């Protein structure tokens, strides 16, 4: 069995996953429940990109390890127990992986999930690194030139 670097297969997998995420985004776009959601297309697009940053397993779900790595990358490492709690909060305890639907529901949901906070936290972290997006950070007087 020839085993090549896997880079190409991986790229293909990612592309297929993105298509799958696209499909799911369409479902949310057509869902009456989210009709009044502001900027839904933009939000879904950013969720898709965000989700694709995780290390997804073969099913295209975020598993515990993928989640753990993401947290570490964000500088908010979590214990195994905390991770379990987060995932069961998102999935309602029925799964130990988070699929994209769960992810979007959580991000659009009104109840504040831990992961949602982390995402917001990450966006803030990204902003502070000078990446455009969102309103400019408010400066206090002392930092004015």
N, C-alpha and C. Protein backbone atom coordinates (compact mmCIF):
# COMPACT_ATOMS: atom_id res chain seq x y z
N UNK A 1 0.84 -1.18 0.00
CA UNK A 1 0.00 0.00 0.00
C UNK A 1 0.88 1.24 0.00
N UNK A 2 0.79 2.04 -1.04
CA UNK A 2 1.65 3.21 -1.10
C UNK A 2 1.09 4.29 -0.18
N UNK A 3 1.97 4.88 0.58
CA UNK A 3 1.51 5.90 1.51
C UNK A 3 2.25 7.19 1.22
N UNK A 4 1.62 8.08 0.45
CA UNK A 4 2.31 9.33 0.17
C UNK A 4 1.99 10.36 1.24
N UNK A 5 2.73 11.45 1.20
CA UNK A 5 2.75 12.45 2.27
C UNK A 5 1.38 12.77 2.88
N UNK A 6 0.32 12.59 2.10
CA UNK A 6 -1.00 12.85 2.68
C UNK A 6 -1.40 14.30 2.57
N UNK A 7 -0.50 15.14 2.09
CA UNK A 7 -0.82 16.55 1.98
C UNK A 7 -1.99 16.76 1.04
N UNK A 8 -1.94 16.06 -0.08
CA UNK A 8 -2.98 16.22 -1.09
C UNK A 8 -4.32 15.68 -0.58
N UNK A 9 -4.26 14.47 0.00
CA UNK A 9 -5.50 13.89 0.53
C UNK A 9 -6.07 14.83 1.57
N UNK A 10 -5.19 15.37 2.38
CA UNK A 10 -5.64 16.26 3.44
C UNK A 10 -6.33 17.47 2.84
N UNK A 11 -5.71 18.02 1.79
CA UNK A 11 -6.30 19.18 1.13
C UNK A 11 -7.68 18.85 0.59
N UNK A 12 -7.78 17.64 0.04
CA UNK A 12 -9.05 17.20 -0.52
C UNK A 12 -10.08 17.06 0.58
N UNK A 13 -9.65 16.47 1.66
CA UNK A 13 -10.53 16.28 2.80
C UNK A 13 -11.06 17.64 3.26
N UNK A 14 -10.14 18.57 3.40
CA UNK A 14 -10.53 19.91 3.83
C UNK A 14 -11.54 20.51 2.86
N UNK A 15 -11.28 20.33 1.56
CA UNK A 15 -12.18 20.90 0.56
C UNK A 15 -13.56 20.26 0.68
N UNK A 16 -13.58 18.96 0.86
CA UNK A 16 -14.87 18.27 1.00
C UNK A 16 -15.57 18.73 2.26
N UNK A 17 -14.78 18.90 3.33
CA UNK A 17 -15.38 19.35 4.58
C UNK A 17 -15.97 20.73 4.39
N UNK A 18 -15.23 21.60 3.74
CA UNK A 18 -15.74 22.95 3.52
C UNK A 18 -17.05 22.92 2.74
N UNK A 19 -17.12 22.02 1.75
CA UNK A 19 -18.37 21.91 0.99
C UNK A 19 -19.50 21.48 1.90
N UNK A 20 -19.17 20.53 2.78
CA UNK A 20 -20.18 20.04 3.70
C UNK A 20 -20.63 21.19 4.62
N UNK A 21 -19.68 21.98 5.05
CA UNK A 21 -20.01 23.10 5.93
C UNK A 21 -20.88 24.11 5.18
N UNK A 22 -20.54 24.33 3.91
CA UNK A 22 -21.33 25.21 3.05
C UNK A 22 -22.79 24.75 3.02
N UNK A 23 -22.97 23.44 2.80
CA UNK A 23 -24.31 22.85 2.75
C UNK A 23 -25.08 23.15 4.03
N UNK A 24 -24.39 22.93 5.14
CA UNK A 24 -25.04 23.13 6.44
C UNK A 24 -25.37 24.61 6.61
N UNK A 25 -24.46 25.48 6.18
CA UNK A 25 -24.74 26.92 6.24
C UNK A 25 -26.02 27.24 5.50
N UNK A 26 -26.20 26.62 4.33
CA UNK A 26 -27.42 26.86 3.55
C UNK A 26 -28.66 26.49 4.37
N UNK A 27 -28.56 25.35 5.08
CA UNK A 27 -29.70 24.94 5.90
C UNK A 27 -30.04 26.03 6.91
N UNK A 28 -29.01 26.57 7.53
CA UNK A 28 -29.26 27.62 8.53
C UNK A 28 -29.84 28.86 7.88
N UNK A 29 -29.39 29.16 6.66
CA UNK A 29 -29.90 30.33 5.95
C UNK A 29 -31.39 30.18 5.69
N UNK A 30 -31.82 28.93 5.47
CA UNK A 30 -33.22 28.71 5.12
C UNK A 30 -34.08 28.42 6.34
N UNK A 31 -33.43 28.31 7.49
CA UNK A 31 -34.15 27.97 8.70
C UNK A 31 -34.91 29.18 9.23
N UNK A 32 -36.21 29.04 9.35
CA UNK A 32 -37.07 30.13 9.83
C UNK A 32 -36.56 30.69 11.15
N UNK A 33 -36.04 29.78 11.95
CA UNK A 33 -35.66 30.16 13.31
C UNK A 33 -34.57 31.23 13.31
N UNK A 34 -33.74 31.22 12.26
CA UNK A 34 -32.62 32.16 12.26
C UNK A 34 -32.85 33.31 11.29
N UNK A 35 -34.11 33.43 10.84
CA UNK A 35 -34.41 34.41 9.82
C UNK A 35 -34.06 35.83 10.25
N UNK A 36 -34.27 36.11 11.52
CA UNK A 36 -34.06 37.48 11.99
C UNK A 36 -32.63 37.75 12.44
N UNK A 37 -31.81 36.73 12.32
CA UNK A 37 -30.42 36.89 12.75
C UNK A 37 -29.73 37.92 11.86
N UNK A 38 -29.10 38.89 12.51
CA UNK A 38 -28.44 39.95 11.75
C UNK A 38 -27.19 39.40 11.06
N UNK A 39 -26.92 39.85 9.83
CA UNK A 39 -25.70 39.45 9.11
C UNK A 39 -25.47 37.95 9.08
N UNK A 40 -26.55 37.19 8.96
CA UNK A 40 -26.40 35.74 9.02
C UNK A 40 -25.38 35.18 8.02
N UNK A 41 -25.42 35.61 6.74
CA UNK A 41 -24.46 35.05 5.80
C UNK A 41 -23.02 35.29 6.23
N UNK A 42 -22.72 36.51 6.68
CA UNK A 42 -21.37 36.83 7.12
C UNK A 42 -20.99 35.98 8.33
N UNK A 43 -21.94 35.89 9.25
CA UNK A 43 -21.66 35.11 10.46
C UNK A 43 -21.35 33.66 10.11
N UNK A 44 -22.22 33.08 9.27
CA UNK A 44 -22.02 31.68 8.90
C UNK A 44 -20.68 31.49 8.21
N UNK A 45 -20.33 32.47 7.41
CA UNK A 45 -19.06 32.37 6.72
C UNK A 45 -17.91 32.37 7.70
N UNK A 46 -17.99 33.24 8.68
CA UNK A 46 -16.89 33.30 9.63
C UNK A 46 -16.89 32.06 10.53
N UNK A 47 -18.09 31.53 10.84
CA UNK A 47 -18.13 30.29 11.62
C UNK A 47 -17.45 29.17 10.85
N UNK A 48 -17.71 29.15 9.55
CA UNK A 48 -17.16 28.09 8.71
C UNK A 48 -15.63 28.14 8.75
N UNK A 49 -15.10 29.34 8.59
CA UNK A 49 -13.65 29.49 8.61
C UNK A 49 -13.08 29.14 9.97
N UNK A 50 -13.77 29.59 10.99
CA UNK A 50 -13.36 29.32 12.35
C UNK A 50 -13.32 27.82 12.61
N UNK A 51 -14.40 27.17 12.18
CA UNK A 51 -14.54 25.73 12.40
C UNK A 51 -13.44 24.97 11.67
N UNK A 52 -13.13 25.43 10.46
CA UNK A 52 -12.13 24.75 9.65
C UNK A 52 -10.74 24.88 10.26
N UNK A 53 -10.56 25.83 11.17
CA UNK A 53 -9.26 25.99 11.82
C UNK A 53 -9.00 24.88 12.83
N UNK A 54 -10.06 24.28 13.32
CA UNK A 54 -9.89 23.20 14.28
C UNK A 54 -9.27 22.00 13.60
N UNK A 55 -8.62 21.15 14.38
CA UNK A 55 -8.19 19.87 13.84
C UNK A 55 -9.40 18.98 13.83
N UNK A 56 -9.95 18.75 12.65
CA UNK A 56 -11.17 17.96 12.57
C UNK A 56 -10.81 16.49 12.40
N UNK A 57 -11.66 15.62 12.93
CA UNK A 57 -11.41 14.20 12.71
C UNK A 57 -11.96 13.79 11.34
N UNK A 58 -11.92 12.50 11.03
CA UNK A 58 -12.32 12.06 9.68
C UNK A 58 -13.77 12.38 9.37
N UNK A 59 -14.59 12.45 10.39
CA UNK A 59 -16.00 12.77 10.17
C UNK A 59 -16.20 14.27 9.99
N UNK A 60 -15.12 15.02 10.19
CA UNK A 60 -15.26 16.46 10.09
C UNK A 60 -15.83 17.08 11.35
N UNK A 61 -15.70 16.35 12.46
CA UNK A 61 -16.13 16.88 13.75
C UNK A 61 -14.92 17.35 14.54
N UNK A 62 -15.20 18.20 15.50
CA UNK A 62 -14.14 18.59 16.43
C UNK A 62 -14.15 17.57 17.56
N UNK A 63 -13.06 16.90 17.77
CA UNK A 63 -13.03 15.98 18.91
C UNK A 63 -12.27 16.62 20.06
N UNK A 64 -12.23 15.89 21.13
CA UNK A 64 -11.62 16.40 22.35
C UNK A 64 -10.20 16.92 22.11
N UNK A 65 -9.41 16.17 21.35
CA UNK A 65 -8.02 16.58 21.15
C UNK A 65 -7.95 17.85 20.30
N UNK A 66 -8.81 17.91 19.28
CA UNK A 66 -8.81 19.08 18.42
C UNK A 66 -9.17 20.32 19.23
N UNK A 67 -10.13 20.12 20.10
CA UNK A 67 -10.58 21.19 20.97
C UNK A 67 -9.47 21.62 21.92
N UNK A 68 -8.81 20.63 22.47
CA UNK A 68 -7.74 20.90 23.43
C UNK A 68 -6.63 21.71 22.77
N UNK A 69 -6.28 21.30 21.54
CA UNK A 69 -5.21 22.02 20.83
C UNK A 69 -5.62 23.45 20.54
N UNK A 70 -6.87 23.62 20.15
CA UNK A 70 -7.37 24.95 19.85
C UNK A 70 -7.26 25.84 21.08
N UNK A 71 -7.66 25.28 22.22
CA UNK A 71 -7.61 26.03 23.47
C UNK A 71 -6.18 26.42 23.81
N UNK A 72 -5.28 25.48 23.60
CA UNK A 72 -3.88 25.78 23.91
C UNK A 72 -3.38 26.87 22.98
N UNK A 73 -3.79 26.78 21.72
CA UNK A 73 -3.39 27.79 20.75
C UNK A 73 -3.90 29.16 21.17
N UNK A 74 -5.08 29.18 21.79
CA UNK A 74 -5.68 30.44 22.21
C UNK A 74 -5.08 30.93 23.52
N UNK A 75 -4.23 30.08 24.10
CA UNK A 75 -3.65 30.47 25.38
C UNK A 75 -4.61 30.30 26.54
N UNK A 76 -5.63 29.46 26.35
CA UNK A 76 -6.51 29.14 27.47
C UNK A 76 -6.62 27.62 27.62
N UNK A 77 -5.50 27.00 27.99
CA UNK A 77 -5.52 25.54 28.09
C UNK A 77 -6.57 25.08 29.09
N UNK A 78 -7.21 23.98 28.77
CA UNK A 78 -8.26 23.43 29.63
C UNK A 78 -7.89 22.02 30.05
N UNK A 79 -8.38 21.63 31.21
CA UNK A 79 -8.18 20.25 31.63
C UNK A 79 -9.13 19.35 30.86
N UNK A 80 -8.85 18.06 30.93
CA UNK A 80 -9.68 17.08 30.24
C UNK A 80 -11.14 17.19 30.69
N UNK A 81 -11.28 17.39 31.98
CA UNK A 81 -12.61 17.47 32.56
C UNK A 81 -13.36 18.70 32.05
N UNK A 82 -12.65 19.82 32.00
CA UNK A 82 -13.27 21.04 31.50
C UNK A 82 -13.69 20.88 30.05
N UNK A 83 -12.81 20.20 29.27
CA UNK A 83 -13.12 19.97 27.87
C UNK A 83 -14.40 19.14 27.73
N UNK A 84 -14.47 18.10 28.54
CA UNK A 84 -15.64 17.22 28.51
C UNK A 84 -16.90 18.02 28.79
N UNK A 85 -16.80 18.87 29.80
CA UNK A 85 -17.94 19.67 30.21
C UNK A 85 -18.35 20.60 29.07
N UNK A 86 -17.37 21.22 28.43
CA UNK A 86 -17.66 22.13 27.33
C UNK A 86 -18.38 21.41 26.21
N UNK A 87 -17.82 20.24 25.85
CA UNK A 87 -18.39 19.51 24.73
C UNK A 87 -19.79 19.04 25.05
N UNK A 88 -19.98 18.55 26.28
CA UNK A 88 -21.32 18.06 26.59
C UNK A 88 -22.30 19.22 26.71
N UNK A 89 -21.79 20.40 27.05
CA UNK A 89 -22.66 21.58 27.09
C UNK A 89 -23.15 21.91 25.68
N UNK A 90 -22.25 21.76 24.72
CA UNK A 90 -22.59 22.09 23.34
C UNK A 90 -23.50 21.03 22.72
N UNK A 91 -23.20 19.76 23.01
CA UNK A 91 -23.92 18.69 22.32
C UNK A 91 -25.10 18.18 23.13
N UNK A 92 -25.29 18.72 24.32
CA UNK A 92 -26.35 18.22 25.18
C UNK A 92 -25.99 16.86 25.75
N UNK A 93 -24.69 16.57 25.75
CA UNK A 93 -24.23 15.35 26.40
C UNK A 93 -24.39 14.09 25.56
N UNK A 94 -24.82 14.23 24.30
CA UNK A 94 -25.06 13.03 23.51
C UNK A 94 -23.82 12.59 22.73
N UNK A 95 -22.80 13.41 22.70
CA UNK A 95 -21.66 13.08 21.87
C UNK A 95 -20.38 13.63 22.49
N UNK A 96 -19.25 13.00 22.19
CA UNK A 96 -18.02 13.59 22.71
C UNK A 96 -17.25 14.30 21.59
N UNK A 97 -17.93 14.53 20.48
CA UNK A 97 -17.36 15.41 19.47
C UNK A 97 -18.41 16.47 19.12
N UNK A 98 -17.94 17.58 18.59
CA UNK A 98 -18.85 18.66 18.22
C UNK A 98 -18.93 18.70 16.71
N UNK A 99 -20.12 18.55 16.16
CA UNK A 99 -20.21 18.69 14.71
C UNK A 99 -20.54 20.14 14.36
N UNK A 100 -20.49 20.42 13.08
CA UNK A 100 -20.64 21.81 12.67
C UNK A 100 -22.01 22.38 13.03
N UNK A 101 -23.04 21.54 12.93
CA UNK A 101 -24.37 22.02 13.30
C UNK A 101 -24.41 22.47 14.75
N UNK A 102 -23.85 21.62 15.61
CA UNK A 102 -23.80 21.98 17.04
C UNK A 102 -23.07 23.30 17.21
N UNK A 103 -21.97 23.41 16.48
CA UNK A 103 -21.11 24.57 16.58
C UNK A 103 -21.87 25.84 16.20
N UNK A 104 -22.56 25.78 15.05
CA UNK A 104 -23.30 26.96 14.60
C UNK A 104 -24.44 27.29 15.56
N UNK A 105 -25.16 26.25 15.99
CA UNK A 105 -26.26 26.50 16.92
C UNK A 105 -25.75 27.18 18.16
N UNK A 106 -24.59 26.72 18.60
CA UNK A 106 -24.02 27.30 19.80
C UNK A 106 -23.62 28.75 19.56
N UNK A 107 -22.99 29.01 18.42
CA UNK A 107 -22.53 30.36 18.14
C UNK A 107 -23.70 31.32 17.94
N UNK A 108 -24.81 30.81 17.40
CA UNK A 108 -25.98 31.67 17.18
C UNK A 108 -26.89 31.65 18.40
N UNK A 109 -26.67 30.69 19.26
CA UNK A 109 -27.58 30.50 20.38
C UNK A 109 -27.51 31.64 21.36
N UNK A 110 -28.55 31.76 22.15
CA UNK A 110 -28.59 32.86 23.11
C UNK A 110 -27.84 32.49 24.38
N UNK A 111 -27.77 31.18 24.66
CA UNK A 111 -27.09 30.85 25.91
C UNK A 111 -25.59 30.89 25.70
N UNK A 112 -24.92 31.47 26.67
CA UNK A 112 -23.49 31.67 26.47
C UNK A 112 -22.76 30.38 26.77
N UNK A 113 -22.23 29.76 25.75
CA UNK A 113 -21.44 28.56 25.98
C UNK A 113 -19.98 28.97 26.16
N UNK A 114 -19.26 28.12 26.82
CA UNK A 114 -17.85 28.42 27.08
C UNK A 114 -17.12 28.69 25.78
N UNK A 115 -17.39 27.83 24.81
CA UNK A 115 -16.67 27.93 23.55
C UNK A 115 -16.90 29.28 22.89
N UNK A 116 -18.14 29.76 23.01
CA UNK A 116 -18.49 31.04 22.42
C UNK A 116 -17.61 32.14 23.01
N UNK A 117 -17.45 32.08 24.32
CA UNK A 117 -16.60 33.06 24.99
C UNK A 117 -15.19 32.97 24.45
N UNK A 118 -14.75 31.74 24.28
CA UNK A 118 -13.40 31.55 23.78
C UNK A 118 -13.23 32.16 22.40
N UNK A 119 -14.25 31.96 21.56
CA UNK A 119 -14.19 32.51 20.21
C UNK A 119 -14.11 34.02 20.24
N UNK A 120 -14.93 34.62 21.13
CA UNK A 120 -14.91 36.07 21.22
C UNK A 120 -13.55 36.51 21.72
N UNK A 121 -13.06 35.74 22.66
CA UNK A 121 -11.76 36.03 23.23
C UNK A 121 -10.70 35.98 22.14
N UNK A 122 -10.83 35.00 21.25
CA UNK A 122 -9.86 34.86 20.18
C UNK A 122 -9.94 36.04 19.23
N UNK A 123 -11.17 36.47 18.93
CA UNK A 123 -11.32 37.61 18.04
C UNK A 123 -10.66 38.84 18.64
N UNK A 124 -10.84 39.00 19.94
CA UNK A 124 -10.21 40.14 20.61
C UNK A 124 -8.70 40.02 20.49
N UNK A 125 -8.21 38.81 20.71
CA UNK A 125 -6.77 38.59 20.64
C UNK A 125 -6.26 38.92 19.24
N UNK A 126 -7.05 38.53 18.23
CA UNK A 126 -6.66 38.81 16.86
C UNK A 126 -6.65 40.31 16.58
N UNK A 127 -7.64 41.00 17.14
CA UNK A 127 -7.71 42.44 16.91
C UNK A 127 -6.49 43.12 17.49
N UNK A 128 -6.11 42.68 18.69
CA UNK A 128 -5.01 43.37 19.35
C UNK A 128 -3.71 43.13 18.60
N UNK A 129 -3.68 42.09 17.73
CA UNK A 129 -2.45 41.88 16.98
C UNK A 129 -2.48 42.70 15.69
N UNK A 130 -3.40 43.65 15.64
CA UNK A 130 -3.40 44.59 14.53
C UNK A 130 -4.08 44.06 13.29
N UNK A 131 -4.85 43.00 13.43
CA UNK A 131 -5.56 42.48 12.27
C UNK A 131 -6.83 43.29 12.09
N UNK A 132 -7.08 43.80 10.87
CA UNK A 132 -8.30 44.59 10.70
C UNK A 132 -9.53 43.73 10.92
N UNK A 133 -10.62 44.38 11.24
CA UNK A 133 -11.85 43.63 11.48
C UNK A 133 -12.48 44.16 12.73
N UNK A 134 -13.72 44.57 12.63
CA UNK A 134 -14.38 45.12 13.80
C UNK A 134 -13.95 46.55 14.01
N UNK A 135 -14.63 47.24 14.91
CA UNK A 135 -14.28 48.64 15.17
C UNK A 135 -12.90 48.72 15.78
N UNK A 136 -12.19 49.82 15.55
CA UNK A 136 -10.86 49.95 16.15
C UNK A 136 -10.99 49.96 17.66
N UNK A 137 -10.00 49.44 18.36
CA UNK A 137 -10.08 49.41 19.83
C UNK A 137 -10.15 50.84 20.36
N UNK A 138 -10.93 51.02 21.41
CA UNK A 138 -11.01 52.37 21.98
C UNK A 138 -9.70 52.69 22.69
N UNK A 139 -9.20 53.88 22.40
CA UNK A 139 -7.94 54.28 23.04
C UNK A 139 -8.27 55.13 24.26
N UNK A 140 -7.47 54.94 25.28
CA UNK A 140 -7.67 55.90 26.37
C UNK A 140 -6.71 57.05 26.16
N UNK A 141 -6.98 58.13 26.86
CA UNK A 141 -6.24 59.38 26.61
C UNK A 141 -4.74 59.17 26.72
N UNK A 142 -4.35 58.37 27.71
CA UNK A 142 -2.91 58.22 27.98
C UNK A 142 -2.16 57.62 26.79
N UNK A 143 -2.87 56.88 25.91
CA UNK A 143 -2.14 56.23 24.84
C UNK A 143 -2.10 57.10 23.59
N UNK A 144 -2.70 58.28 23.64
CA UNK A 144 -2.67 59.14 22.46
C UNK A 144 -1.27 59.66 22.24
N UNK A 145 -0.88 59.85 20.98
CA UNK A 145 0.48 60.32 20.68
C UNK A 145 0.68 61.73 21.22
